[in-house]
Amino acid sequence: MTVDLATRTLIGHVVHGDQAAFAQLYRTYRTPALKFCLHLLKDRDEAENMVHDLFVKLWERRASINPDLNFNSFLFTCLRNLTFDYLKQVEKSQQFKQRYLERMETFRDEDTADEEARVQRLQTAIDGLSHRRKAILLLSIEEGKSYGEIAELLRISKNTVKNQLVKARQLLRDTVDVAIS
């Protein structure tokens, strides 16, 4: 009974704004509160933050604390509720993150499908080029040959190579809407 009376007296002083009484209340309940939160959260830093936040809220709302009620039950009920709210928030955050990642994967799949369709259109357009124009384009793009090297290989002038490449690229841009460099 003396503990209850001492606690009630201490809470009464806190309610009236006694900072020394609040410091005593904090020293008395900090360790058990921390152990309780740590047991539920399994994260020491978050448990310490939660206990600290609760005591800040208690000080801010001290006028609404009833010294006649069981402070121990009140304190641990508040901690339990804060912990459960935090865990719900973490779960929602994880669900949001998972949905975001799934959406990004969907967009990536769509981008891959778009890219595949684009490559297919490009290949069809290249296949539609004349034999000579296709050969010049492939030597330039796939093998990285210069105008002079292509001209020498195909025994045509550099000017012909240049003109054929310009025409091939323009046709591909018009057909596939792809800029070929």
Protein backbone atom coordinates (compact mmCIF):
# COMPACT_ATOMS: atom_id res chain seq x y z
CA MET A 1 0.00 0.00 0.00
CA THR A 2 2.82 2.43 0.74
CA VAL A 3 4.14 1.93 -2.79
CA ASP A 4 0.72 2.80 -4.19
CA LEU A 5 0.50 5.84 -1.91
CA ALA A 6 4.03 6.90 -2.83
CA THR A 7 3.29 6.45 -6.52
CA ARG A 8 0.03 8.37 -6.22
CA THR A 9 1.80 11.18 -4.43
CA LEU A 10 4.55 11.23 -7.06
CA ILE A 11 1.98 11.27 -9.88
CA GLY A 12 0.09 14.05 -8.10
CA HIS A 13 3.24 16.18 -8.06
CA VAL A 14 3.84 15.43 -11.75
CA VAL A 15 0.28 16.44 -12.61
CA HIS A 16 0.93 19.80 -10.92
CA GLY A 17 4.10 20.35 -12.99
CA ASP A 18 6.81 19.27 -10.55
CA GLN A 19 9.83 18.53 -12.77
CA ALA A 20 11.80 16.82 -10.00
CA ALA A 21 8.87 14.45 -9.42
CA PHE A 22 8.71 13.77 -13.15
CA ALA A 23 12.46 13.01 -13.21
CA GLN A 24 11.91 10.54 -10.34
CA LEU A 25 8.98 8.96 -12.22
CA TYR A 26 11.17 8.63 -15.31
CA ARG A 27 14.03 7.02 -13.37
CA THR A 28 11.60 4.59 -11.75
CA TYR A 29 9.83 3.44 -14.91
CA ARG A 30 12.40 3.91 -17.69
CA THR A 31 14.16 0.53 -17.36
CA PRO A 32 11.02 -1.64 -17.10
CA ALA A 33 9.42 0.33 -19.93
CA LEU A 34 12.51 -0.11 -22.08
CA LYS A 35 12.61 -3.86 -21.42
CA PHE A 36 8.93 -4.12 -22.32
CA CYS A 37 9.38 -2.25 -25.62
CA LEU A 38 12.56 -4.11 -26.44
CA HIS A 39 10.75 -7.41 -25.93
CA LEU A 40 8.06 -6.36 -28.42
CA LEU A 41 10.20 -4.53 -30.99
CA LYS A 42 13.52 -6.39 -30.89
CA ASP A 43 15.18 -3.07 -31.76
CA ARG A 44 16.97 -1.24 -28.93
CA ASP A 45 17.17 2.15 -30.66
CA GLU A 46 13.50 2.13 -31.58
CA ALA A 47 12.54 0.95 -28.08
CA GLU A 48 14.52 3.79 -26.50
CA ASN A 49 12.92 6.29 -28.87
CA MET A 50 9.47 4.98 -28.04
CA VAL A 51 10.02 5.17 -24.27
CA HIS A 52 11.43 8.67 -24.62
CA ASP A 53 8.49 9.76 -26.79
CA LEU A 54 6.01 8.33 -24.31
CA PHE A 55 7.54 10.22 -21.40
CA VAL A 56 7.54 13.43 -23.44
CA LYS A 57 3.82 12.89 -24.14
CA LEU A 58 3.20 12.13 -20.47
CA TRP A 59 4.82 15.42 -19.48
CA GLU A 60 2.88 17.36 -22.12
CA ARG A 61 -0.43 15.76 -21.04
CA ARG A 62 0.35 15.49 -17.35
CA ALA A 63 -2.78 17.41 -16.39
CA SER A 64 -4.96 14.59 -17.75
CA ILE A 65 -3.25 11.84 -15.72
CA ASN A 66 -5.42 10.51 -12.88
CA PRO A 67 -3.20 9.79 -9.83
CA ASP A 68 -5.89 7.49 -8.37
CA LEU A 69 -5.65 5.02 -11.25
CA ASN A 70 -2.96 2.34 -11.57
CA PHE A 71 -0.10 4.23 -13.26
CA ASN A 72 1.80 1.02 -14.00
CA SER A 73 -1.12 -0.35 -16.04
CA PHE A 74 -1.62 3.02 -17.71
CA LEU A 75 2.05 3.32 -18.69
CA PHE A 76 2.37 -0.18 -20.13
CA THR A 77 -0.96 0.04 -21.95
CA CYS A 78 0.24 3.26 -23.59
CA LEU A 79 3.54 1.58 -24.53
CA ARG A 80 1.76 -1.45 -25.92
CA ASN A 81 -0.50 0.74 -28.04
CA LEU A 82 2.42 2.84 -29.30
CA THR A 83 4.35 -0.32 -30.14
CA PHE A 84 1.44 -1.88 -32.01
CA ASP A 85 0.84 1.37 -33.91
CA TYR A 86 4.52 1.47 -34.83
CA LEU A 87 4.48 -2.17 -36.00
CA LYS A 88 1.36 -1.51 -38.10
CA GLN A 89 3.09 1.49 -39.64
CA VAL A 90 6.19 -0.60 -40.42
CA GLU A 91 4.00 -3.29 -41.98
CA LYS A 92 2.17 -0.71 -44.11
CA SER A 93 5.49 0.76 -45.15
CA GLN A 94 6.76 -2.68 -46.16
CA GLN A 95 3.55 -3.37 -48.09
CA PHE A 96 3.87 -0.02 -49.84
CA LYS A 97 7.49 -0.77 -50.69
CA GLN A 98 6.53 -4.21 -52.01
CA ARG A 99 3.74 -2.76 -54.18
CA TYR A 100 6.15 -0.11 -55.47
CA LEU A 101 8.73 -2.76 -56.39
CA GLU A 102 6.05 -4.87 -58.09
CA ARG A 103 4.89 -1.87 -60.11
CA MET A 104 8.45 -1.03 -61.09
CA GLU A 105 8.94 -4.63 -62.21
CA THR A 106 5.74 -4.37 -64.28
CA PHE A 107 7.01 -1.16 -65.89
CA ARG A 108 10.37 -2.83 -66.52
CA ASP A 109 8.58 -5.78 -68.15
CA GLU A 110 6.53 -3.35 -70.28
CA ASP A 111 9.70 -1.46 -71.23
CA THR A 112 11.36 -4.76 -72.17
CA ALA A 113 8.32 -5.72 -74.25
CA ASP A 114 8.33 -2.29 -75.93
CA GLU A 115 12.06 -2.59 -76.61
CA GLU A 116 11.62 -6.08 -78.06
CA ALA A 117 8.83 -4.83 -80.35
CA ARG A 118 11.00 -1.91 -81.39
CA VAL A 119 13.94 -4.20 -82.18
CA GLN A 120 11.63 -6.45 -84.17
CA ARG A 121 10.33 -3.47 -86.18
CA LEU A 122 13.90 -2.35 -86.76
CA GLN A 123 14.97 -5.82 -87.95
CA THR A 124 11.98 -5.99 -90.30
CA ALA A 125 12.84 -2.56 -91.70
CA ILE A 126 16.51 -3.56 -92.19
CA ASP A 127 15.43 -6.75 -93.94
CA GLY A 128 13.31 -4.60 -96.26
CA LEU A 129 16.32 -2.59 -97.48
CA SER A 130 17.92 -3.36 -100.82
CA HIS A 131 20.79 -5.83 -100.70
CA ARG A 132 23.48 -3.18 -101.28
CA ARG A 133 21.98 -0.64 -98.83
CA LYS A 134 21.59 -3.34 -96.16
CA ALA A 135 25.21 -4.47 -96.62
CA ILE A 136 26.50 -0.89 -96.30
CA LEU A 137 24.39 -0.24 -93.20
CA LEU A 138 25.48 -3.46 -91.46
CA LEU A 139 29.15 -2.86 -92.25
CA SER A 140 28.83 0.62 -90.78
CA ILE A 141 26.78 -0.21 -87.69
CA GLU A 142 27.69 -3.78 -86.75
CA GLU A 143 31.33 -3.77 -87.80
CA GLY A 144 32.05 -0.07 -87.25
CA LYS A 145 33.68 0.33 -90.68
CA SER A 146 34.42 3.79 -92.06
CA TYR A 147 33.12 5.11 -95.39
CA GLY A 148 36.52 4.43 -96.96
CA GLU A 149 36.71 0.84 -95.66
CA ILE A 150 33.17 0.08 -96.86
CA ALA A 151 33.90 1.65 -100.26
CA GLU A 152 37.03 -0.45 -100.62
CA LEU A 153 35.30 -3.70 -99.55
CA LEU A 154 32.33 -3.21 -101.89
CA ARG A 155 34.36 -1.51 -104.66
CA ILE A 156 32.17 1.59 -104.73
CA SER A 157 32.89 5.26 -104.09
CA LYS A 158 32.88 6.87 -100.62
CA ASN A 159 30.17 9.18 -101.88
CA THR A 160 27.95 6.21 -102.75
CA VAL A 161 28.54 4.75 -99.28
CA LYS A 162 27.62 8.07 -97.66
CA ASN A 163 24.48 8.53 -99.77
CA GLN A 164 23.32 4.95 -99.19
CA LEU A 165 23.82 5.27 -95.41
CA VAL A 166 21.94 8.57 -95.28
CA LYS A 167 19.04 7.02 -97.22
CA ALA A 168 19.04 3.82 -95.13
CA ARG A 169 19.04 5.73 -91.85
CA GLN A 170 16.28 8.04 -93.02
CA LEU A 171 14.17 5.08 -94.11
CA LEU A 172 14.71 3.38 -90.75
CA ARG A 173 13.83 6.58 -88.86
CA ASP A 174 10.66 6.95 -90.88
CA THR A 175 9.73 3.28 -90.60
CA VAL A 176 10.71 2.48 -87.02
CA ASP A 177 11.02 5.93 -85.45
CA VAL A 178 14.52 5.03 -84.29
CA ALA A 179 17.57 7.21 -84.73
CA ILE A 180 20.44 5.04 -85.94
CA SER A 181 23.83 6.49 -85.18
